[in-house]
Amino acid sequence: MDILKNRARLLLLPLLLMSLIQPSIATNSTQKQKVVAAAIFKFIKFIDWETPNTAQASHFNMCLQQEDSAFQPFESRTIGGKNIKVLLINKTTQLLSCHAVYLNNTTEDASKSLADFKNTLTISGQTGFIEQGGIIELNDYNNRLAFSINVPASKQQSLNIGFQLLSLARHVIES
């Protein structure tokens, strides 16, 4: 009987420890999402959209591939004097109305969506995103958020990236 109790304790101990660790992982993940959202907000401030339809839009549309609560504060902010609207990409969202899009679904290949966007800042955390035509790729470097920029892709989307943002990028594709 004591042997069974000891085995049960040995089996329950890892489960108990995992239940204690799990909330901290979720907190770290939520914190990381908030850092990413804040960084994207700052990135947008250093981007100039060259097209007149962007200048004439009544809102700045920030599109997400999937719901992310870290982007809720965007709705109370402005970019260039325009209120920000956070939209989910789906069948009813017109992709052409997105000024910036964060392709945050890690289970889908972000590069598949790139051809659908016009005059849009595209951002993803997927490895190789900028080599496939994306504009900003987010990654971790020494436990810090880092990013890379694809300048030719930004020009193709009629976007000018400020030198301040380019100077902070870990890697820049120039041509």
N, C-alpha and C. Protein backbone atom coordinates (compact mmCIF):
# COMPACT_ATOMS: atom_id res chain seq x y z
N MET A 1 0.82 -1.19 0.00
CA MET A 1 0.00 0.00 0.00
C MET A 1 0.87 1.26 0.00
N ASP A 2 1.96 1.24 0.81
CA ASP A 2 2.87 2.38 0.85
C ASP A 2 3.56 2.57 -0.49
N ILE A 3 3.83 1.47 -1.18
CA ILE A 3 4.47 1.56 -2.50
C ILE A 3 3.54 2.28 -3.47
N LEU A 4 2.25 1.99 -3.42
CA LEU A 4 1.28 2.65 -4.29
C LEU A 4 1.16 4.13 -3.97
N LYS A 5 1.18 4.48 -2.69
CA LYS A 5 1.11 5.89 -2.31
C LYS A 5 2.35 6.64 -2.81
N ASN A 6 3.51 6.02 -2.67
CA ASN A 6 4.74 6.66 -3.14
C ASN A 6 4.73 6.87 -4.66
N ARG A 7 4.25 5.85 -5.38
CA ARG A 7 4.17 5.97 -6.85
C ARG A 7 3.17 7.05 -7.24
N ALA A 8 2.06 7.09 -6.54
CA ALA A 8 1.05 8.12 -6.83
C ALA A 8 1.62 9.50 -6.59
N ARG A 9 2.37 9.66 -5.50
CA ARG A 9 3.00 10.95 -5.21
C ARG A 9 4.01 11.32 -6.30
N LEU A 10 4.79 10.33 -6.73
CA LEU A 10 5.78 10.58 -7.77
C LEU A 10 5.11 10.98 -9.09
N LEU A 11 3.96 10.41 -9.37
CA LEU A 11 3.23 10.76 -10.59
C LEU A 11 2.54 12.11 -10.47
N LEU A 12 2.04 12.43 -9.29
CA LEU A 12 1.32 13.68 -9.10
C LEU A 12 2.25 14.88 -8.95
N LEU A 13 3.45 14.67 -8.45
CA LEU A 13 4.38 15.77 -8.26
C LEU A 13 4.68 16.52 -9.57
N PRO A 14 5.02 15.82 -10.68
CA PRO A 14 5.26 16.56 -11.93
C PRO A 14 4.01 17.30 -12.42
N LEU A 15 2.84 16.70 -12.23
CA LEU A 15 1.60 17.37 -12.64
C LEU A 15 1.37 18.63 -11.82
N LEU A 16 1.62 18.55 -10.53
CA LEU A 16 1.47 19.71 -9.67
C LEU A 16 2.45 20.81 -10.07
N LEU A 17 3.70 20.43 -10.31
CA LEU A 17 4.70 21.40 -10.74
C LEU A 17 4.33 22.04 -12.07
N MET A 18 3.82 21.26 -13.00
CA MET A 18 3.41 21.80 -14.30
C MET A 18 2.26 22.79 -14.14
N SER A 19 1.34 22.50 -13.23
CA SER A 19 0.21 23.42 -13.04
C SER A 19 0.69 24.75 -12.43
N LEU A 20 1.78 24.71 -11.67
CA LEU A 20 2.33 25.93 -11.11
C LEU A 20 3.13 26.72 -12.15
N ILE A 21 3.80 26.01 -13.05
CA ILE A 21 4.63 26.64 -14.07
C ILE A 21 3.77 27.21 -15.20
N GLN A 22 2.71 26.55 -15.56
CA GLN A 22 1.88 26.94 -16.71
C GLN A 22 1.42 28.39 -16.67
N PRO A 23 0.91 28.92 -15.54
CA PRO A 23 0.51 30.33 -15.55
C PRO A 23 1.65 31.29 -15.86
N SER A 24 2.86 30.98 -15.41
CA SER A 24 3.97 31.88 -15.70
C SER A 24 4.32 31.85 -17.18
N ILE A 25 4.18 30.70 -17.82
CA ILE A 25 4.41 30.62 -19.27
C ILE A 25 3.38 31.48 -19.99
N ALA A 26 2.12 31.38 -19.57
CA ALA A 26 1.07 32.18 -20.19
C ALA A 26 1.34 33.66 -19.98
N THR A 27 1.78 34.02 -18.79
CA THR A 27 2.08 35.42 -18.51
C THR A 27 3.22 35.91 -19.39
N ASN A 28 4.27 35.09 -19.55
CA ASN A 28 5.38 35.46 -20.41
C ASN A 28 4.93 35.61 -21.85
N SER A 29 4.06 34.71 -22.30
CA SER A 29 3.53 34.78 -23.65
C SER A 29 2.70 36.04 -23.84
N THR A 30 1.86 36.36 -22.88
CA THR A 30 1.04 37.57 -22.94
C THR A 30 1.93 38.80 -22.93
N GLN A 31 2.95 38.79 -22.11
CA GLN A 31 3.88 39.91 -22.05
C GLN A 31 4.59 40.08 -23.38
N LYS A 32 5.01 38.97 -23.99
CA LYS A 32 5.68 39.04 -25.28
C LYS A 32 4.74 39.61 -26.34
N GLN A 33 3.46 39.21 -26.32
CA GLN A 33 2.49 39.74 -27.27
C GLN A 33 2.34 41.25 -27.10
N LYS A 34 2.35 41.72 -25.86
CA LYS A 34 2.24 43.16 -25.61
C LYS A 34 3.46 43.90 -26.13
N VAL A 35 4.64 43.32 -25.96
CA VAL A 35 5.86 43.94 -26.46
C VAL A 35 5.83 44.01 -27.99
N VAL A 36 5.39 42.93 -28.62
CA VAL A 36 5.28 42.90 -30.08
C VAL A 36 4.29 43.96 -30.56
N ALA A 37 3.13 44.05 -29.92
CA ALA A 37 2.12 45.04 -30.30
C ALA A 37 2.67 46.46 -30.15
N ALA A 38 3.36 46.73 -29.05
CA ALA A 38 3.94 48.05 -28.83
C ALA A 38 4.99 48.37 -29.89
N ALA A 39 5.81 47.38 -30.24
CA ALA A 39 6.84 47.59 -31.26
C ALA A 39 6.19 47.89 -32.61
N ILE A 40 5.15 47.15 -32.95
CA ILE A 40 4.47 47.39 -34.23
C ILE A 40 3.88 48.80 -34.27
N PHE A 41 3.30 49.24 -33.17
CA PHE A 41 2.77 50.61 -33.11
C PHE A 41 3.89 51.62 -33.38
N LYS A 42 5.05 51.39 -32.79
CA LYS A 42 6.19 52.29 -33.00
C LYS A 42 6.69 52.21 -34.45
N PHE A 43 6.74 50.99 -35.03
CA PHE A 43 7.17 50.84 -36.42
C PHE A 43 6.31 51.70 -37.34
N ILE A 44 5.01 51.64 -37.14
CA ILE A 44 4.06 52.34 -38.00
C ILE A 44 4.35 53.84 -38.03
N LYS A 45 4.81 54.37 -36.92
CA LYS A 45 5.11 55.80 -36.85
C LYS A 45 6.26 56.21 -37.76
N PHE A 46 7.11 55.26 -38.15
CA PHE A 46 8.27 55.55 -38.99
C PHE A 46 8.07 55.13 -40.44
N ILE A 47 6.82 54.88 -40.82
CA ILE A 47 6.50 54.47 -42.19
C ILE A 47 5.66 55.57 -42.85
N ASP A 48 6.01 55.90 -44.09
CA ASP A 48 5.21 56.83 -44.89
C ASP A 48 4.57 56.07 -46.03
N TRP A 49 3.25 56.18 -46.14
CA TRP A 49 2.51 55.57 -47.24
C TRP A 49 2.44 56.60 -48.35
N GLU A 50 2.92 56.25 -49.53
CA GLU A 50 3.00 57.19 -50.64
C GLU A 50 1.70 57.35 -51.41
N THR A 51 0.76 56.45 -51.24
CA THR A 51 -0.44 56.46 -52.07
C THR A 51 -1.49 57.42 -51.53
N PRO A 52 -2.20 58.10 -52.43
CA PRO A 52 -3.21 59.07 -52.00
C PRO A 52 -4.39 58.43 -51.27
N ASN A 53 -4.76 57.20 -51.62
CA ASN A 53 -5.91 56.57 -50.95
C ASN A 53 -5.63 56.33 -49.47
N THR A 54 -4.37 56.15 -49.10
CA THR A 54 -4.02 56.00 -47.69
C THR A 54 -4.18 57.34 -46.97
N ALA A 55 -3.75 58.40 -47.62
CA ALA A 55 -3.86 59.73 -47.02
C ALA A 55 -5.32 60.15 -46.88
N GLN A 56 -6.18 59.70 -47.79
CA GLN A 56 -7.59 60.09 -47.77
C GLN A 56 -8.45 59.20 -46.86
N ALA A 57 -7.92 58.09 -46.38
CA ALA A 57 -8.70 57.17 -45.54
C ALA A 57 -9.10 57.85 -44.23
N SER A 58 -10.29 57.52 -43.74
CA SER A 58 -10.77 58.13 -42.50
C SER A 58 -10.17 57.46 -41.26
N HIS A 59 -9.76 56.20 -41.38
CA HIS A 59 -9.15 55.45 -40.28
C HIS A 59 -7.85 54.83 -40.75
N PHE A 60 -7.00 54.47 -39.81
CA PHE A 60 -5.83 53.66 -40.11
C PHE A 60 -6.21 52.23 -39.73
N ASN A 61 -6.21 51.33 -40.71
CA ASN A 61 -6.64 49.95 -40.48
C ASN A 61 -5.46 49.04 -40.20
N MET A 62 -5.39 48.54 -38.97
CA MET A 62 -4.39 47.56 -38.55
C MET A 62 -5.07 46.21 -38.60
N CYS A 63 -4.61 45.34 -39.48
CA CYS A 63 -5.25 44.04 -39.66
C CYS A 63 -4.43 42.93 -39.01
N LEU A 64 -5.14 41.97 -38.45
CA LEU A 64 -4.51 40.82 -37.80
C LEU A 64 -5.02 39.55 -38.45
N GLN A 65 -4.17 38.57 -38.52
CA GLN A 65 -4.56 37.27 -39.07
C GLN A 65 -5.43 36.49 -38.07
N GLN A 66 -5.17 36.70 -36.78
CA GLN A 66 -5.99 36.08 -35.76
C GLN A 66 -6.10 37.02 -34.56
N GLU A 67 -7.14 36.84 -33.77
CA GLU A 67 -7.42 37.70 -32.61
C GLU A 67 -6.22 37.74 -31.67
N ASP A 68 -5.93 38.94 -31.17
CA ASP A 68 -4.83 39.11 -30.22
C ASP A 68 -5.19 40.29 -29.31
N SER A 69 -5.45 40.00 -28.04
CA SER A 69 -5.89 41.03 -27.10
C SER A 69 -4.83 42.11 -26.87
N ALA A 70 -3.57 41.83 -27.17
CA ALA A 70 -2.51 42.82 -26.99
C ALA A 70 -2.70 44.03 -27.92
N PHE A 71 -3.51 43.87 -28.96
CA PHE A 71 -3.73 44.96 -29.92
C PHE A 71 -4.95 45.81 -29.57
N GLN A 72 -5.68 45.47 -28.51
CA GLN A 72 -6.85 46.25 -28.12
C GLN A 72 -6.51 47.71 -27.82
N PRO A 73 -5.38 48.02 -27.18
CA PRO A 73 -5.05 49.43 -26.92
C PRO A 73 -4.89 50.27 -28.20
N PHE A 74 -4.65 49.64 -29.34
CA PHE A 74 -4.53 50.37 -30.60
C PHE A 74 -5.79 51.18 -30.87
N GLU A 75 -6.94 50.64 -30.50
CA GLU A 75 -8.22 51.28 -30.83
C GLU A 75 -8.39 52.63 -30.14
N SER A 76 -7.59 52.92 -29.11
CA SER A 76 -7.70 54.21 -28.44
C SER A 76 -6.57 55.16 -28.86
N ARG A 77 -5.80 54.77 -29.87
CA ARG A 77 -4.67 55.57 -30.32
C ARG A 77 -4.91 56.11 -31.73
N THR A 78 -4.03 57.01 -32.13
CA THR A 78 -4.10 57.56 -33.48
C THR A 78 -2.73 57.46 -34.15
N ILE A 79 -2.77 57.41 -35.46
CA ILE A 79 -1.56 57.46 -36.30
C ILE A 79 -1.80 58.55 -37.32
N GLY A 80 -0.95 59.53 -37.36
CA GLY A 80 -1.11 60.62 -38.32
C GLY A 80 -2.46 61.31 -38.20
N GLY A 81 -2.99 61.42 -36.97
CA GLY A 81 -4.28 62.07 -36.75
C GLY A 81 -5.49 61.21 -37.07
N LYS A 82 -5.27 59.94 -37.41
CA LYS A 82 -6.37 59.04 -37.74
C LYS A 82 -6.55 58.00 -36.65
N ASN A 83 -7.79 57.74 -36.29
CA ASN A 83 -8.07 56.68 -35.32
C ASN A 83 -7.69 55.34 -35.92
N ILE A 84 -7.17 54.47 -35.07
CA ILE A 84 -6.79 53.13 -35.53
C ILE A 84 -7.97 52.18 -35.33
N LYS A 85 -8.23 51.40 -36.36
CA LYS A 85 -9.22 50.31 -36.28
C LYS A 85 -8.45 49.00 -36.39
N VAL A 86 -8.72 48.08 -35.48
CA VAL A 86 -8.10 46.75 -35.54
C VAL A 86 -9.12 45.82 -36.19
N LEU A 87 -8.72 45.22 -37.31
CA LEU A 87 -9.61 44.34 -38.06
C LEU A 87 -8.99 42.96 -38.17
N LEU A 88 -9.84 41.94 -38.16
CA LEU A 88 -9.39 40.58 -38.41
C LEU A 88 -9.50 40.29 -39.90
N ILE A 89 -8.48 39.65 -40.44
CA ILE A 89 -8.53 39.28 -41.85
C ILE A 89 -9.45 38.08 -41.97
N ASN A 90 -10.51 38.26 -42.74
CA ASN A 90 -11.42 37.17 -43.04
C ASN A 90 -12.10 37.49 -44.35
N LYS A 91 -13.11 36.74 -44.69
CA LYS A 91 -13.77 36.94 -45.98
C LYS A 91 -14.43 38.31 -46.09
N THR A 92 -14.83 38.90 -44.98
CA THR A 92 -15.52 40.19 -45.05
C THR A 92 -14.56 41.37 -45.00
N THR A 93 -13.36 41.16 -44.53
CA THR A 93 -12.38 42.24 -44.50
C THR A 93 -11.79 42.40 -45.90
N GLN A 94 -11.86 43.58 -46.42
CA GLN A 94 -11.23 43.83 -47.71
C GLN A 94 -9.75 44.00 -47.47
N LEU A 95 -8.97 43.11 -48.04
CA LEU A 95 -7.53 43.14 -47.82
C LEU A 95 -6.91 44.45 -48.29
N LEU A 96 -7.52 45.06 -49.30
CA LEU A 96 -6.98 46.31 -49.82
C LEU A 96 -7.15 47.47 -48.84
N SER A 97 -8.02 47.29 -47.82
CA SER A 97 -8.22 48.37 -46.85
C SER A 97 -7.23 48.31 -45.68
N CYS A 98 -6.39 47.31 -45.64
CA CYS A 98 -5.40 47.18 -44.57
C CYS A 98 -4.21 48.08 -44.86
N HIS A 99 -3.86 48.94 -43.92
CA HIS A 99 -2.66 49.76 -44.05
C HIS A 99 -1.44 49.01 -43.52
N ALA A 100 -1.66 48.26 -42.47
CA ALA A 100 -0.61 47.41 -41.89
C ALA A 100 -1.27 46.10 -41.50
N VAL A 101 -0.53 45.02 -41.65
CA VAL A 101 -1.07 43.71 -41.28
C VAL A 101 0.01 42.92 -40.53
N TYR A 102 -0.42 42.35 -39.42
CA TYR A 102 0.46 41.47 -38.64
C TYR A 102 -0.04 40.05 -38.88
N LEU A 103 0.76 39.27 -39.58
CA LEU A 103 0.42 37.89 -39.88
C LEU A 103 0.85 37.03 -38.70
N ASN A 104 -0.03 36.97 -37.69
CA ASN A 104 0.31 36.39 -36.40
C ASN A 104 -0.17 34.96 -36.21
N ASN A 105 -0.62 34.32 -37.26
CA ASN A 105 -1.03 32.93 -37.14
C ASN A 105 0.20 32.07 -37.45
N THR A 106 0.73 31.43 -36.43
CA THR A 106 1.97 30.67 -36.60
C THR A 106 1.77 29.33 -37.29
N THR A 107 0.51 28.91 -37.47
CA THR A 107 0.27 27.62 -38.11
C THR A 107 0.13 27.75 -39.62
N GLU A 108 -0.05 28.96 -40.13
CA GLU A 108 -0.18 29.18 -41.57
C GLU A 108 1.09 29.82 -42.10
N ASP A 109 1.39 29.52 -43.36
CA ASP A 109 2.53 30.14 -44.01
C ASP A 109 2.17 31.58 -44.34
N ALA A 110 2.82 32.52 -43.67
CA ALA A 110 2.50 33.94 -43.84
C ALA A 110 2.76 34.42 -45.25
N SER A 111 3.73 33.84 -45.93
CA SER A 111 4.10 34.33 -47.26
C SER A 111 3.00 34.07 -48.29
N LYS A 112 2.11 33.12 -48.04
CA LYS A 112 1.02 32.83 -48.98
C LYS A 112 0.10 34.02 -49.14
N SER A 113 -0.02 34.86 -48.13
CA SER A 113 -0.94 36.00 -48.15
C SER A 113 -0.33 37.25 -48.77
N LEU A 114 0.95 37.29 -48.99
CA LEU A 114 1.62 38.52 -49.39
C LEU A 114 1.10 39.12 -50.69
N ALA A 115 0.78 38.29 -51.65
CA ALA A 115 0.32 38.79 -52.95
C ALA A 115 -1.03 39.50 -52.85
N ASP A 116 -1.78 39.25 -51.78
CA ASP A 116 -3.11 39.83 -51.63
C ASP A 116 -3.09 41.29 -51.16
N PHE A 117 -1.97 41.78 -50.70
CA PHE A 117 -1.90 43.11 -50.11
C PHE A 117 -1.31 44.12 -51.07
N LYS A 118 -1.91 45.32 -51.07
CA LYS A 118 -1.41 46.43 -51.88
C LYS A 118 -1.24 47.64 -50.97
N ASN A 119 -0.08 48.31 -51.07
CA ASN A 119 0.21 49.49 -50.25
C ASN A 119 0.07 49.19 -48.76
N THR A 120 0.56 48.02 -48.36
CA THR A 120 0.37 47.53 -47.00
C THR A 120 1.70 47.14 -46.37
N LEU A 121 1.90 47.57 -45.14
CA LEU A 121 3.05 47.15 -44.35
C LEU A 121 2.76 45.73 -43.84
N THR A 122 3.58 44.76 -44.24
CA THR A 122 3.38 43.38 -43.81
C THR A 122 4.42 43.02 -42.77
N ILE A 123 3.95 42.39 -41.68
CA ILE A 123 4.80 42.06 -40.54
C ILE A 123 4.49 40.62 -40.12
N SER A 124 5.53 39.86 -39.81
CA SER A 124 5.34 38.49 -39.33
C SER A 124 6.55 38.07 -38.49
N GLY A 125 6.32 37.09 -37.65
CA GLY A 125 7.40 36.53 -36.85
C GLY A 125 7.92 35.23 -37.43
N GLN A 126 7.47 34.87 -38.61
CA GLN A 126 7.92 33.61 -39.21
C GLN A 126 9.30 33.75 -39.82
N THR A 127 10.15 32.78 -39.55
CA THR A 127 11.51 32.78 -40.08
C THR A 127 11.47 32.76 -41.61
N GLY A 128 12.27 33.61 -42.22
CA GLY A 128 12.35 33.67 -43.68
C GLY A 128 11.29 34.55 -44.32
N PHE A 129 10.51 35.25 -43.52
CA PHE A 129 9.41 36.07 -44.03
C PHE A 129 9.89 37.16 -44.99
N ILE A 130 10.98 37.85 -44.63
CA ILE A 130 11.44 38.93 -45.52
C ILE A 130 12.07 38.39 -46.80
N GLU A 131 12.65 37.21 -46.75
CA GLU A 131 13.21 36.61 -47.96
C GLU A 131 12.11 36.21 -48.93
N GLN A 132 10.90 36.03 -48.42
CA GLN A 132 9.76 35.63 -49.25
C GLN A 132 8.93 36.84 -49.70
N GLY A 133 9.39 38.05 -49.39
CA GLY A 133 8.70 39.24 -49.86
C GLY A 133 8.00 40.05 -48.78
N GLY A 134 8.08 39.61 -47.51
CA GLY A 134 7.50 40.39 -46.42
C GLY A 134 8.36 41.61 -46.14
N ILE A 135 7.82 42.58 -45.41
CA ILE A 135 8.55 43.82 -45.16
C ILE A 135 9.29 43.81 -43.82
N ILE A 136 8.61 43.41 -42.74
CA ILE A 136 9.28 43.36 -41.44
C ILE A 136 9.13 41.96 -40.84
N GLU A 137 10.25 41.39 -40.45
CA GLU A 137 10.26 40.08 -39.80
C GLU A 137 10.70 40.27 -38.36
N LEU A 138 9.89 39.80 -37.43
CA LEU A 138 10.21 39.88 -36.00
C LEU A 138 10.91 38.60 -35.58
N ASN A 139 11.88 38.73 -34.70
CA ASN A 139 12.53 37.53 -34.17
C ASN A 139 13.13 37.85 -32.81
N ASP A 140 13.57 36.81 -32.13
CA ASP A 140 14.23 36.95 -30.83
C ASP A 140 15.73 36.92 -31.04
N TYR A 141 16.42 37.81 -30.35
CA TYR A 141 17.87 37.83 -30.39
C TYR A 141 18.35 38.10 -28.97
N ASN A 142 19.01 37.13 -28.38
CA ASN A 142 19.47 37.23 -26.98
C ASN A 142 18.32 37.61 -26.04
N ASN A 143 17.19 36.92 -26.20
CA ASN A 143 15.99 37.13 -25.38
C ASN A 143 15.42 38.55 -25.50
N ARG A 144 15.64 39.19 -26.62
CA ARG A 144 15.08 40.51 -26.89
C ARG A 144 14.41 40.48 -28.25
N LEU A 145 13.43 41.34 -28.40
CA LEU A 145 12.76 41.46 -29.69
C LEU A 145 13.69 42.16 -30.67
N ALA A 146 13.90 41.53 -31.80
CA ALA A 146 14.70 42.12 -32.87
C ALA A 146 13.87 42.07 -34.14
N PHE A 147 14.30 42.80 -35.16
CA PHE A 147 13.54 42.78 -36.41
C PHE A 147 14.47 43.00 -37.59
N SER A 148 14.01 42.52 -38.73
CA SER A 148 14.72 42.69 -40.00
C SER A 148 13.77 43.36 -40.97
N ILE A 149 14.33 44.10 -41.93
CA ILE A 149 13.51 44.86 -42.88
C ILE A 149 13.94 44.55 -44.30
N ASN A 150 12.95 44.43 -45.18
CA ASN A 150 13.15 44.21 -46.60
C ASN A 150 12.77 45.51 -47.32
N VAL A 151 13.77 46.34 -47.66
CA VAL A 151 13.52 47.64 -48.29
C VAL A 151 12.90 47.51 -49.68
N PRO A 152 13.40 46.62 -50.56
CA PRO A 152 12.76 46.50 -51.88
C PRO A 152 11.27 46.11 -51.79
N ALA A 153 10.93 45.26 -50.84
CA ALA A 153 9.52 44.89 -50.66
C ALA A 153 8.69 46.09 -50.22
N SER A 154 9.27 46.95 -49.38
CA SER A 154 8.55 48.15 -48.95
C SER A 154 8.33 49.10 -50.12
N LYS A 155 9.32 49.24 -50.98
CA LYS A 155 9.19 50.10 -52.17
C LYS A 155 8.11 49.56 -53.10
N GLN A 156 8.05 48.24 -53.22
CA GLN A 156 7.04 47.60 -54.06
C GLN A 156 5.62 47.90 -53.54
N GLN A 157 5.50 48.10 -52.25
CA GLN A 157 4.20 48.40 -51.63
C GLN A 157 3.98 49.92 -51.51
N SER A 158 4.86 50.72 -52.12
CA SER A 158 4.80 52.19 -52.08
C SER A 158 4.90 52.72 -50.65
N LEU A 159 5.83 52.15 -49.90
CA LEU A 159 6.08 52.57 -48.52
C LEU A 159 7.50 53.09 -48.39
N ASN A 160 7.66 54.15 -47.64
CA ASN A 160 8.99 54.66 -47.30
C ASN A 160 9.24 54.39 -45.83
N ILE A 161 10.34 53.72 -45.54
CA ILE A 161 10.69 53.41 -44.16
C ILE A 161 11.71 54.44 -43.69
N GLY A 162 11.42 55.08 -42.57
CA GLY A 162 12.31 56.10 -42.03
C GLY A 162 13.67 55.55 -41.66
N PHE A 163 14.69 56.37 -41.83
CA PHE A 163 16.05 55.94 -41.53
C PHE A 163 16.21 55.56 -40.07
N GLN A 164 15.41 56.19 -39.17
CA GLN A 164 15.51 55.87 -37.75
C GLN A 164 15.17 54.39 -37.51
N LEU A 165 14.12 53.91 -38.19
CA LEU A 165 13.72 52.52 -38.04
C LEU A 165 14.75 51.60 -38.70
N LEU A 166 15.23 51.98 -39.87
CA LEU A 166 16.24 51.18 -40.56
C LEU A 166 17.51 51.03 -39.72
N SER A 167 17.87 52.09 -39.01
CA SER A 167 19.10 52.03 -38.20
C SER A 167 18.95 51.12 -36.99
N LEU A 168 17.73 50.86 -36.56
CA LEU A 168 17.51 49.99 -35.40
C LEU A 168 17.37 48.52 -35.79
N ALA A 169 17.15 48.25 -37.07
CA ALA A 169 16.94 46.87 -37.53
C ALA A 169 18.22 46.05 -37.38
N ARG A 170 18.05 44.81 -37.01
CA ARG A 170 19.19 43.91 -36.86
C ARG A 170 19.76 43.54 -38.23
N HIS A 171 18.87 43.44 -39.23
CA HIS A 171 19.28 43.07 -40.60
C HIS A 171 18.41 43.83 -41.57
N VAL A 172 19.00 44.40 -42.61
CA VAL A 172 18.27 45.12 -43.65
C VAL A 172 18.65 44.57 -45.00
N ILE A 173 17.62 44.19 -45.78
CA ILE A 173 17.86 43.81 -47.18
C ILE A 173 17.72 45.09 -47.99
N GLU A 174 18.81 45.50 -48.63
CA GLU A 174 18.83 46.76 -49.38
C GLU A 174 18.44 46.58 -50.84
N SER A 175 18.81 45.45 -51.44
CA SER A 175 18.48 45.25 -52.86
C SER A 175 18.27 43.79 -53.17
